[in-house]
Amino acid sequence: MEVTLHGVMGGPETGVRYLAAIVQCRSRLKAALAPLAVPGLATLDLSLWIGGSVTEHGANGFDAKGRYQAAREQLGLVIAVPRPEAEAVAEGAEPDTLLDWIGRGLAAPTLSAAARKLDLETVRGALGSRP
């Protein structure tokens, strides 16, 4: 499976804190998901929106929303993390926290009926996500 990961930072402080962790997680995700085969899912496009001082992503709490393109077998998943949750992460724990956020996003995203048929639990399992 192909996987992409990018981040949308809600402020300059968020970028300083999380950008290197996103780059680090990208290679970890690719290694974990490359050998994985999930019927109907060839590409997983992940976007982490992390709230900060300029823009409050996840203003209503942690949220994940997906858009599935069946013809391309592609799922785009936007995971919004509120600023207080991002600020509460212990220094140095950012890479593992990003993977936890991705696991949480895969666990209960808002999806179309077609996308709900995808086996996202297998993807979470490959990431070592906790229930």
C-alpha atoms as a PDB file:
ATOM      1  CA  MET A   1       0.000   0.000   0.000  1.00  0.00           C
ATOM      2  CA  GLU A   2       1.169   3.501  -0.791  1.00  0.00           C
ATOM      3  CA  VAL A   3       0.967   6.073   2.004  1.00  0.00           C
ATOM      4  CA  THR A   4       1.468   9.815   2.115  1.00  0.00           C
ATOM      5  CA  LEU A   5       1.605  12.025   5.176  1.00  0.00           C
ATOM      6  CA  HIS A   6       1.586  15.759   5.451  1.00  0.00           C
ATOM      7  CA  GLY A   7       0.815  18.257   8.153  1.00  0.00           C
ATOM      8  CA  VAL A   8      -1.115  21.491   8.353  1.00  0.00           C
ATOM      9  CA  MET A   9       0.174  23.561  11.237  1.00  0.00           C
ATOM     10  CA  GLY A  10      -2.096  25.939  13.122  1.00  0.00           C
ATOM     11  CA  GLY A  11       0.737  28.265  14.080  1.00  0.00           C
ATOM     12  CA  PRO A  12       4.491  28.777  13.847  1.00  0.00           C
ATOM     13  CA  GLU A  13       5.076  27.123  17.229  1.00  0.00           C
ATOM     14  CA  THR A  14       3.240  24.026  16.019  1.00  0.00           C
ATOM     15  CA  GLY A  15       5.451  23.780  12.952  1.00  0.00           C
ATOM     16  CA  VAL A  16       8.615  24.132  15.017  1.00  0.00           C
ATOM     17  CA  ARG A  17       7.463  21.395  17.344  1.00  0.00           C
ATOM     18  CA  TYR A  18       5.907  18.854  14.958  1.00  0.00           C
ATOM     19  CA  LEU A  19       7.473  19.231  11.506  1.00  0.00           C
ATOM     20  CA  ALA A  20      10.515  17.017  12.177  1.00  0.00           C
ATOM     21  CA  ALA A  21       8.269  14.385  13.779  1.00  0.00           C
ATOM     22  CA  ILE A  22       6.047  14.325  10.689  1.00  0.00           C
ATOM     23  CA  VAL A  23       9.074  13.766   8.457  1.00  0.00           C
ATOM     24  CA  GLN A  24      10.285  10.987  10.772  1.00  0.00           C
ATOM     25  CA  CYS A  25       6.849   9.332  10.889  1.00  0.00           C
ATOM     26  CA  ARG A  26       6.538   9.367   7.119  1.00  0.00           C
ATOM     27  CA  SER A  27       9.332   6.794   6.759  1.00  0.00           C
ATOM     28  CA  ARG A  28       7.943   4.695   9.620  1.00  0.00           C
ATOM     29  CA  LEU A  29       4.508   4.656   7.979  1.00  0.00           C
ATOM     30  CA  LYS A  30       5.912   3.704   4.594  1.00  0.00           C
ATOM     31  CA  ALA A  31       7.891   0.815   6.107  1.00  0.00           C
ATOM     32  CA  ALA A  32       4.895  -0.458   8.081  1.00  0.00           C
ATOM     33  CA  LEU A  33       2.319  -0.185   5.300  1.00  0.00           C
ATOM     34  CA  ALA A  34       4.294  -1.010   2.134  1.00  0.00           C
ATOM     35  CA  PRO A  35       3.828  -4.797   2.476  1.00  0.00           C
ATOM     36  CA  LEU A  36       0.161  -4.446   3.454  1.00  0.00           C
ATOM     37  CA  ALA A  37      -2.636  -5.406   1.045  1.00  0.00           C
ATOM     38  CA  VAL A  38      -6.145  -4.194   1.870  1.00  0.00           C
ATOM     39  CA  PRO A  39      -8.834  -4.897  -0.752  1.00  0.00           C
ATOM     40  CA  GLY A  40     -10.087  -1.629  -2.235  1.00  0.00           C
ATOM     41  CA  LEU A  41      -7.292   0.459  -0.737  1.00  0.00           C
ATOM     42  CA  ALA A  42      -4.129   1.090  -2.742  1.00  0.00           C
ATOM     43  CA  THR A  43      -3.287   4.562  -1.418  1.00  0.00           C
ATOM     44  CA  LEU A  44      -3.780   6.124   2.001  1.00  0.00           C
ATOM     45  CA  ASP A  45      -3.337   9.898   2.049  1.00  0.00           C
ATOM     46  CA  LEU A  46      -3.019  11.141   5.629  1.00  0.00           C
ATOM     47  CA  SER A  47      -3.229  14.770   6.605  1.00  0.00           C
ATOM     48  CA  LEU A  48      -2.625  15.863  10.194  1.00  0.00           C
ATOM     49  CA  TRP A  49      -4.114  19.255  11.027  1.00  0.00           C
ATOM     50  CA  ILE A  50      -2.610  20.350  14.324  1.00  0.00           C
ATOM     51  CA  GLY A  51      -4.168  23.329  16.090  1.00  0.00           C
ATOM     52  CA  GLY A  52      -2.018  26.263  17.121  1.00  0.00           C
ATOM     53  CA  SER A  53      -1.985  29.966  17.921  1.00  0.00           C
ATOM     54  CA  VAL A  54      -3.189  31.100  14.476  1.00  0.00           C
ATOM     55  CA  THR A  55      -5.707  28.435  13.455  1.00  0.00           C
ATOM     56  CA  GLU A  56      -7.578  26.123  15.786  1.00  0.00           C
ATOM     57  CA  HIS A  57      -7.920  22.812  13.992  1.00  0.00           C
ATOM     58  CA  GLY A  58     -10.142  20.367  15.838  1.00  0.00           C
ATOM     59  CA  ALA A  59     -11.975  23.153  17.671  1.00  0.00           C
ATOM     60  CA  ASN A  60     -14.730  20.683  18.581  1.00  0.00           C
ATOM     61  CA  GLY A  61     -12.287  18.009  19.733  1.00  0.00           C
ATOM     62  CA  PHE A  62     -10.214  15.344  18.016  1.00  0.00           C
ATOM     63  CA  ASP A  63     -11.803  14.473  14.685  1.00  0.00           C
ATOM     64  CA  ALA A  64     -11.095  12.384  11.601  1.00  0.00           C
ATOM     65  CA  LYS A  65     -12.901  12.618   8.273  1.00  0.00           C
ATOM     66  CA  GLY A  66     -12.237  10.617   5.163  1.00  0.00           C
ATOM     67  CA  ARG A  67     -12.930  10.880   1.477  1.00  0.00           C
ATOM     68  CA  TYR A  68     -12.824   7.674  -0.544  1.00  0.00           C
ATOM     69  CA  GLN A  69     -12.301   7.422  -4.290  1.00  0.00           C
ATOM     70  CA  ALA A  70     -13.231   3.850  -5.182  1.00  0.00           C
ATOM     71  CA  ALA A  71     -12.042   4.034  -8.803  1.00  0.00           C
ATOM     72  CA  ARG A  72      -8.557   5.025  -7.623  1.00  0.00           C
ATOM     73  CA  GLU A  73      -8.729   2.886  -4.449  1.00  0.00           C
ATOM     74  CA  GLN A  74      -7.625   5.954  -2.527  1.00  0.00           C
ATOM     75  CA  LEU A  75      -8.652   7.120   0.940  1.00  0.00           C
ATOM     76  CA  GLY A  76      -7.828  10.639   2.029  1.00  0.00           C
ATOM     77  CA  LEU A  77      -8.043  11.028   5.795  1.00  0.00           C
ATOM     78  CA  VAL A  78      -7.878  14.394   7.549  1.00  0.00           C
ATOM     79  CA  ILE A  79      -7.129  14.104  11.263  1.00  0.00           C
ATOM     80  CA  ALA A  80      -7.726  17.309  13.237  1.00  0.00           C
ATOM     81  CA  VAL A  81      -5.999  17.671  16.600  1.00  0.00           C
ATOM     82  CA  PRO A  82      -7.036  20.460  18.979  1.00  0.00           C
ATOM     83  CA  ARG A  83      -4.388  22.872  20.224  1.00  0.00           C
ATOM     84  CA  PRO A  84      -4.674  21.866  23.920  1.00  0.00           C
ATOM     85  CA  GLU A  85      -4.062  18.220  23.035  1.00  0.00           C
ATOM     86  CA  ALA A  86      -1.060  19.112  20.870  1.00  0.00           C
ATOM     87  CA  GLU A  87       0.391  21.330  23.601  1.00  0.00           C
ATOM     88  CA  ALA A  88      -0.015  18.605  26.250  1.00  0.00           C
ATOM     89  CA  VAL A  89       2.367  16.187  24.493  1.00  0.00           C
ATOM     90  CA  ALA A  90       5.597  15.615  26.409  1.00  0.00           C
ATOM     91  CA  GLU A  91       8.709  16.945  24.708  1.00  0.00           C
ATOM     92  CA  GLY A  92      10.388  14.181  22.727  1.00  0.00           C
ATOM     93  CA  ALA A  93       7.185  12.140  22.454  1.00  0.00           C
ATOM     94  CA  GLU A  94       6.005  13.817  19.243  1.00  0.00           C
ATOM     95  CA  PRO A  95       6.775  10.967  16.764  1.00  0.00           C
ATOM     96  CA  ASP A  96       5.005   8.313  18.835  1.00  0.00           C
ATOM     97  CA  THR A  97       2.135  10.695  19.524  1.00  0.00           C
ATOM     98  CA  LEU A  98       1.661  11.334  15.805  1.00  0.00           C
ATOM     99  CA  LEU A  99       1.364   7.590  15.216  1.00  0.00           C
ATOM    100  CA  ASP A 100      -1.151   7.369  18.064  1.00  0.00           C
ATOM    101  CA  TRP A 101      -3.188  10.188  16.503  1.00  0.00           C
ATOM    102  CA  ILE A 102      -3.144   8.384  13.160  1.00  0.00           C
ATOM    103  CA  GLY A 103      -4.302   5.186  14.873  1.00  0.00           C
ATOM    104  CA  ARG A 104      -7.117   7.080  16.600  1.00  0.00           C
ATOM    105  CA  GLY A 105      -8.101   8.657  13.309  1.00  0.00           C
ATOM    106  CA  LEU A 106      -8.244   5.273  11.606  1.00  0.00           C
ATOM    107  CA  ALA A 107     -10.297   3.821  14.476  1.00  0.00           C
ATOM    108  CA  ALA A 108     -13.389   5.980  14.108  1.00  0.00           C
ATOM    109  CA  PRO A 109     -13.329   8.299  11.106  1.00  0.00           C
ATOM    110  CA  THR A 110     -16.404   9.823   9.509  1.00  0.00           C
ATOM    111  CA  LEU A 111     -16.648   7.924   6.208  1.00  0.00           C
ATOM    112  CA  SER A 112     -19.034   7.297   3.332  1.00  0.00           C
ATOM    113  CA  ALA A 113     -20.835   3.952   3.160  1.00  0.00           C
ATOM    114  CA  ALA A 114     -18.376   2.693   0.528  1.00  0.00           C
ATOM    115  CA  ALA A 115     -15.360   3.655   2.627  1.00  0.00           C
ATOM    116  CA  ARG A 116     -16.783   1.999   5.741  1.00  0.00           C
ATOM    117  CA  LYS A 117     -16.346  -1.336   3.949  1.00  0.00           C
ATOM    118  CA  LEU A 118     -12.549  -0.904   3.967  1.00  0.00           C
ATOM    119  CA  ASP A 119     -10.626  -2.934   6.538  1.00  0.00           C
ATOM    120  CA  LEU A 120      -8.969  -0.076   8.397  1.00  0.00           C
ATOM    121  CA  GLU A 121      -8.372  -2.294  11.443  1.00  0.00           C
ATOM    122  CA  THR A 122      -5.735  -4.147   9.438  1.00  0.00           C
ATOM    123  CA  VAL A 123      -4.045  -0.814   8.731  1.00  0.00           C
ATOM    124  CA  ARG A 124      -4.185   0.131  12.423  1.00  0.00           C
ATOM    125  CA  GLY A 125      -2.747  -3.258  13.352  1.00  0.00           C
ATOM    126  CA  ALA A 126       0.193  -2.763  10.997  1.00  0.00           C
ATOM    127  CA  LEU A 127       0.933   0.500  12.807  1.00  0.00           C
ATOM    128  CA  GLY A 128       0.842  -1.237  16.177  1.00  0.00           C
ATOM    129  CA  SER A 129      -2.125   0.891  17.255  1.00  0.00           C
ATOM    130  CA  ARG A 130      -3.753   0.316  20.582  1.00  0.00           C
ATOM    131  CA  PRO A 131      -7.511  -0.326  20.749  1.00  0.00           C
END
